[in-house]
Amino acid sequence: FKTMARQKGLMKYVGTIGDVRHFKIKGQQGFFAGMVGGPTAEQVNSAPEFERTRENMNEFGGCARAGKSVRTALSALMSKMADSQVTGRLTSIMKKINLEDGTEARGYRKVEISTQRNYLLGFEFDKKLSINGVFNAPYDVTHTAGRESADFIIAPFNPADLISAPSGTTHFRLINALAVVADFVYNATTGTYDPDDIVNNELSIVEYSDYIPLNTAYAGSTLTATLPGAPTLGANVTVIQCIGIEFFQEVNTNYYALNSGNCLRIEDAF
């Protein structure tokens, strides 16, 4: 007679066996399984019982676009500062902002960042690495009335005492970055969410300090970031100010970037 097949160890695979589908989830450990089936795309797109689903999908798309604008504006920093789940975490914040809108019908609510900026404050682009755990020097941030320029003001300090640098570090740089993100509103003509200010949305600037020695007292400085083109910013856009730090090893007057310890945070939004 034939015996039933038995699984004796870990079986790692993706795909479908019978009515069971096996798959990986990005950023999650292990393998997952679920039943094959569910509603068809046509049902989701047109059936009355999926109206709430369509509303959620519509607004989720708008939230994803708003989050993408932040990442696009800061694209020069994303590869070395952000974790693999930053897209989902930013979209989640935009969804919280979206839920605050009481002016539009469900399914078409605005992503009105300009009235809910507090949701962005303190966002760490790498959730496993808080800048407060790496950079403990005294500092302040300020911005101009027109919001086109902002300062990162660092007081004198001793880096060896107040910076938790990865092994091998000889120098570090401080970062002051500005990114403009507009409110996103539903466009009935295109059926998508669009920025309320297309011209200024995703406008950005990243300023770096000089290479600062880790083992020498630092005299302090002001790192100023000014958006290009002298933009006029309306009430429907938000300027996100990020501060960050990145680490280097100097070898024969060349500075080599280290791939650990670097971090970036939204310090202010105005």
Protein backbone atom coordinates (compact mmCIF):
# COMPACT_ATOMS: atom_id res chain seq x y z
CA PHE A 1 0.00 0.00 0.00
CA LYS A 2 1.03 3.64 -0.41
CA THR A 3 1.89 5.74 2.60
CA MET A 4 0.97 9.41 2.99
CA ALA A 5 3.77 11.92 2.36
CA ARG A 6 5.19 13.45 5.49
CA GLN A 7 7.13 16.67 6.01
CA LYS A 8 10.19 15.95 8.11
CA GLY A 9 11.87 19.35 7.99
CA LEU A 10 11.50 22.94 6.90
CA MET A 11 10.08 23.11 3.38
CA LYS A 12 10.77 26.50 1.79
CA TYR A 13 8.82 27.17 -1.38
CA VAL A 14 6.41 29.58 -2.98
CA GLY A 15 3.51 28.81 -5.29
CA THR A 16 0.33 26.74 -5.10
CA ILE A 17 -0.26 23.13 -4.06
CA GLY A 18 -3.89 22.13 -4.39
CA ASP A 19 -6.04 24.83 -2.80
CA VAL A 20 -3.23 26.25 -0.69
CA ARG A 21 -0.99 29.11 -1.84
CA HIS A 22 2.41 29.62 -0.25
CA PHE A 23 4.24 32.92 -0.31
CA LYS A 24 6.81 35.23 1.27
CA ILE A 25 5.99 38.66 2.72
CA LYS A 26 8.62 41.36 2.22
CA GLY A 27 10.27 42.29 5.49
CA GLN A 28 8.78 39.31 7.37
CA GLN A 29 10.57 36.16 8.46
CA GLY A 30 9.40 32.75 7.31
CA PHE A 31 6.86 31.52 4.77
CA PHE A 32 3.09 32.01 4.73
CA ALA A 33 0.13 30.03 3.44
CA GLY A 34 -3.44 30.90 2.48
CA MET A 35 -6.36 29.43 0.58
CA VAL A 36 -6.59 30.03 -3.15
CA GLY A 37 -9.63 31.96 -4.29
CA GLY A 38 -11.39 35.11 -3.19
CA PRO A 39 -13.26 37.71 -5.22
CA THR A 40 -12.31 38.43 -8.80
CA ALA A 41 -10.91 41.81 -9.83
CA GLU A 42 -14.16 42.52 -11.68
CA GLN A 43 -16.20 41.91 -8.53
CA VAL A 44 -14.00 44.20 -6.45
CA ASN A 45 -14.22 46.94 -9.10
CA SER A 46 -17.98 46.90 -9.64
CA ALA A 47 -20.03 44.81 -7.20
CA PRO A 48 -22.07 46.81 -4.64
CA GLU A 49 -20.82 44.72 -1.73
CA PHE A 50 -17.25 45.87 -2.42
CA GLU A 51 -18.04 49.60 -2.37
CA ARG A 52 -16.27 50.05 0.98
CA THR A 53 -13.27 48.15 -0.39
CA ARG A 54 -13.13 50.47 -3.41
CA GLU A 55 -13.29 53.52 -1.15
CA ASN A 56 -10.42 52.19 0.96
CA MET A 57 -8.36 51.31 -2.13
CA ASN A 58 -8.90 54.76 -3.60
CA GLU A 59 -7.77 56.60 -0.48
CA PHE A 60 -4.91 54.19 0.09
CA GLY A 61 -3.63 55.04 -3.40
CA GLY A 62 -3.66 58.73 -2.50
CA CYS A 63 -1.81 58.08 0.75
CA ALA A 64 0.79 56.02 -1.09
CA ARG A 65 1.35 58.84 -3.60
CA ALA A 66 1.80 61.38 -0.81
CA GLY A 67 4.32 59.14 0.93
CA LYS A 68 6.15 58.56 -2.33
CA SER A 69 6.55 62.32 -2.78
CA VAL A 70 8.42 62.49 0.52
CA ARG A 71 10.71 59.63 -0.53
CA THR A 72 11.25 61.12 -4.00
CA ALA A 73 12.15 64.53 -2.58
CA LEU A 74 14.69 62.86 -0.27
CA SER A 75 15.84 60.24 -2.77
CA ALA A 76 19.49 61.27 -2.38
CA LEU A 77 19.34 60.00 1.21
CA MET A 78 16.98 57.04 1.02
CA SER A 79 19.48 54.32 0.05
CA LYS A 80 21.74 54.97 3.04
CA MET A 81 19.23 56.19 5.63
CA ALA A 82 15.96 54.26 5.20
CA ASP A 83 14.91 50.75 6.17
CA SER A 84 13.12 48.32 3.86
CA GLN A 85 9.71 49.14 5.34
CA VAL A 86 9.89 52.93 5.05
CA THR A 87 7.37 52.98 2.17
CA GLY A 88 4.68 51.28 4.22
CA ARG A 89 5.42 53.31 7.33
CA LEU A 90 5.13 56.62 5.46
CA THR A 91 1.92 55.48 3.76
CA SER A 92 0.54 54.59 7.20
CA ILE A 93 1.19 58.12 8.47
CA MET A 94 -0.47 59.59 5.39
CA LYS A 95 -3.50 57.35 6.04
CA LYS A 96 -3.81 58.76 9.56
CA ILE A 97 -3.75 62.25 8.05
CA ASN A 98 -6.30 61.19 5.43
CA LEU A 99 -8.70 59.97 8.13
CA GLU A 100 -8.68 63.43 9.73
CA ASP A 101 -10.39 65.05 6.72
CA GLY A 102 -14.05 65.72 7.41
CA THR A 103 -14.80 67.80 4.32
CA GLU A 104 -14.95 65.17 1.58
CA ALA A 105 -17.00 62.00 1.13
CA ARG A 106 -15.52 58.70 2.26
CA GLY A 107 -13.35 57.29 -0.52
CA TYR A 108 -12.34 60.79 -1.68
CA ARG A 109 -11.00 62.37 1.50
CA LYS A 110 -8.00 64.64 1.11
CA VAL A 111 -4.51 63.86 2.37
CA GLU A 112 -4.29 67.30 3.95
CA ILE A 113 -0.79 67.24 5.39
CA SER A 114 -0.75 71.01 5.91
CA THR A 115 -3.33 70.79 8.72
CA GLN A 116 -1.96 67.61 10.33
CA ARG A 117 1.81 68.14 10.29
CA ASN A 118 2.24 66.80 13.82
CA TYR A 119 1.84 63.25 12.49
CA LEU A 120 5.17 63.59 10.67
CA LEU A 121 7.22 64.87 13.58
CA GLY A 122 9.86 62.48 14.88
CA PHE A 123 9.56 60.02 11.98
CA GLU A 124 12.72 57.91 11.81
CA PHE A 125 13.60 56.73 8.30
CA ASP A 126 15.21 53.66 9.86
CA LYS A 127 12.90 52.50 12.65
CA LYS A 128 15.70 50.46 14.24
CA LEU A 129 17.98 53.49 14.57
CA SER A 130 16.82 56.63 16.37
CA ILE A 131 18.97 59.70 15.92
CA ASN A 132 18.65 60.33 19.67
CA GLY A 133 20.51 57.09 20.25
CA VAL A 134 23.35 58.16 17.95
CA PHE A 135 23.62 61.96 18.15
CA ASN A 136 23.26 63.44 21.63
CA ALA A 137 24.86 66.85 21.10
CA PRO A 138 22.91 70.04 21.89
CA TYR A 139 21.20 71.53 18.82
CA ASP A 140 18.27 73.59 17.63
CA VAL A 141 16.34 74.09 14.38
CA THR A 142 14.75 77.27 13.03
CA HIS A 143 13.23 78.42 9.73
CA THR A 144 12.43 81.65 7.94
CA ALA A 145 8.94 83.13 7.79
CA GLY A 146 8.72 82.29 4.08
CA ARG A 147 9.69 78.66 4.88
CA GLU A 148 12.17 78.54 1.99
CA SER A 149 15.18 78.21 4.32
CA ALA A 150 15.92 76.45 7.61
CA ASP A 151 18.89 76.18 9.97
CA PHE A 152 20.32 73.23 11.90
CA ILE A 153 22.25 74.91 14.73
CA ILE A 154 24.83 72.77 16.51
CA ALA A 155 26.38 74.00 19.76
CA PRO A 156 30.02 73.24 20.65
CA PHE A 157 30.47 69.67 21.92
CA ASN A 158 32.88 66.78 22.23
CA PRO A 159 31.93 64.17 19.59
CA ALA A 160 33.69 61.28 21.32
CA ASP A 161 31.38 61.75 24.33
CA LEU A 162 28.08 62.52 22.61
CA ILE A 163 28.10 60.44 19.41
CA SER A 164 27.65 56.67 19.27
CA ALA A 165 29.67 55.92 16.16
CA PRO A 166 30.10 52.51 14.50
CA SER A 167 33.44 50.76 14.80
CA GLY A 168 36.08 52.17 12.45
CA THR A 169 34.65 55.70 12.33
CA THR A 170 37.14 58.56 12.10
CA HIS A 171 34.80 61.31 10.81
CA PHE A 172 31.10 62.12 10.46
CA ARG A 173 28.92 64.58 8.57
CA LEU A 174 25.73 66.24 9.74
CA ILE A 175 22.80 66.65 7.38
CA ASN A 176 20.09 69.32 7.06
CA ALA A 177 17.51 68.42 4.40
CA LEU A 178 14.32 70.16 3.30
CA ALA A 179 11.53 68.52 1.31
CA VAL A 180 8.29 70.12 0.13
CA VAL A 181 5.19 67.91 0.04
CA ALA A 182 1.82 69.25 -1.08
CA ASP A 183 -1.60 68.24 0.14
CA PHE A 184 -3.08 65.54 -2.11
CA VAL A 185 -6.65 65.80 -3.39
CA TYR A 186 -8.82 63.49 -5.47
CA ASN A 187 -9.03 64.41 -9.13
CA ALA A 188 -12.36 63.18 -10.52
CA THR A 189 -11.15 63.61 -14.10
CA THR A 190 -8.11 61.36 -13.80
CA GLY A 191 -9.52 59.15 -11.03
CA THR A 192 -6.34 59.57 -9.00
CA TYR A 193 -5.00 61.71 -6.19
CA ASP A 194 -2.84 64.61 -7.35
CA PRO A 195 -0.70 67.16 -5.48
CA ASP A 196 -2.49 70.45 -4.83
CA ASP A 197 0.70 72.29 -5.84
CA ILE A 198 2.37 70.40 -8.67
CA VAL A 199 5.09 73.04 -9.13
CA ASN A 200 6.52 72.91 -5.62
CA ASN A 201 5.68 69.34 -4.63
CA GLU A 202 8.90 67.29 -4.17
CA LEU A 203 11.11 70.41 -4.24
CA SER A 204 14.11 69.67 -2.01
CA ILE A 205 17.64 70.49 -0.90
CA VAL A 206 20.18 68.46 1.08
CA GLU A 207 23.06 70.24 2.83
CA TYR A 208 26.02 68.46 4.39
CA SER A 209 28.47 69.72 6.98
CA ASP A 210 32.21 69.36 6.46
CA TYR A 211 33.78 66.05 7.49
CA ILE A 212 34.05 66.41 11.27
CA PRO A 213 36.71 64.45 13.23
CA LEU A 214 35.23 62.11 15.83
CA ASN A 215 38.08 62.54 18.33
CA THR A 216 38.41 66.33 18.31
CA ALA A 217 36.31 68.90 20.15
CA TYR A 218 33.82 70.52 17.75
CA ALA A 219 33.40 74.31 17.85
CA GLY A 220 29.80 74.22 16.68
CA SER A 221 28.23 75.62 13.52
CA THR A 222 24.99 76.47 11.73
CA LEU A 223 24.07 74.33 8.75
CA THR A 224 21.66 76.23 6.49
CA ALA A 225 19.48 74.59 3.84
CA THR A 226 17.72 76.84 1.31
CA LEU A 227 15.28 75.57 -1.30
CA PRO A 228 16.32 76.34 -4.90
CA GLY A 229 14.54 78.91 -7.04
CA ALA A 230 13.21 81.15 -4.25
CA PRO A 231 9.80 79.43 -4.26
CA THR A 232 6.61 81.01 -2.97
CA LEU A 233 5.01 78.39 -0.75
CA GLY A 234 1.27 78.44 -0.17
CA ALA A 235 -0.76 77.13 2.75
CA ASN A 236 -1.37 73.86 0.85
CA VAL A 237 2.25 72.67 1.08
CA THR A 238 4.38 71.52 3.99
CA VAL A 239 8.13 71.86 4.31
CA ILE A 240 9.66 68.86 6.05
CA GLN A 241 13.00 69.51 7.77
CA CYS A 242 15.12 66.42 8.36
CA ILE A 243 18.33 66.19 10.34
CA GLY A 244 20.75 63.33 10.03
CA ILE A 245 24.24 62.00 10.56
CA GLU A 246 26.47 59.73 8.49
CA PHE A 247 29.80 58.11 9.31
CA PHE A 248 33.11 57.76 7.47
CA GLN A 249 36.55 56.26 7.76
CA GLU A 250 39.45 58.35 6.50
CA VAL A 251 42.20 56.46 4.68
CA ASN A 252 44.99 58.43 2.98
CA THR A 253 42.87 61.63 2.84
CA ASN A 254 39.95 59.73 1.24
CA TYR A 255 36.67 59.39 3.13
CA TYR A 256 34.90 56.06 2.84
CA ALA A 257 31.23 55.91 3.86
CA LEU A 258 30.33 53.29 6.46
CA ASN A 259 27.13 51.37 5.91
CA SER A 260 25.96 51.32 9.52
CA GLY A 261 24.93 53.92 12.08
CA ASN A 262 23.65 56.45 9.53
CA CYS A 263 20.26 57.89 10.44
CA LEU A 264 17.74 60.54 9.45
CA ARG A 265 14.68 61.95 11.21
CA ILE A 266 11.91 64.44 10.46
CA GLU A 267 12.74 67.08 13.03
CA ASP A 268 10.18 69.70 12.03
CA ALA A 269 7.33 70.26 9.59
CA PHE A 270 6.09 73.78 8.85
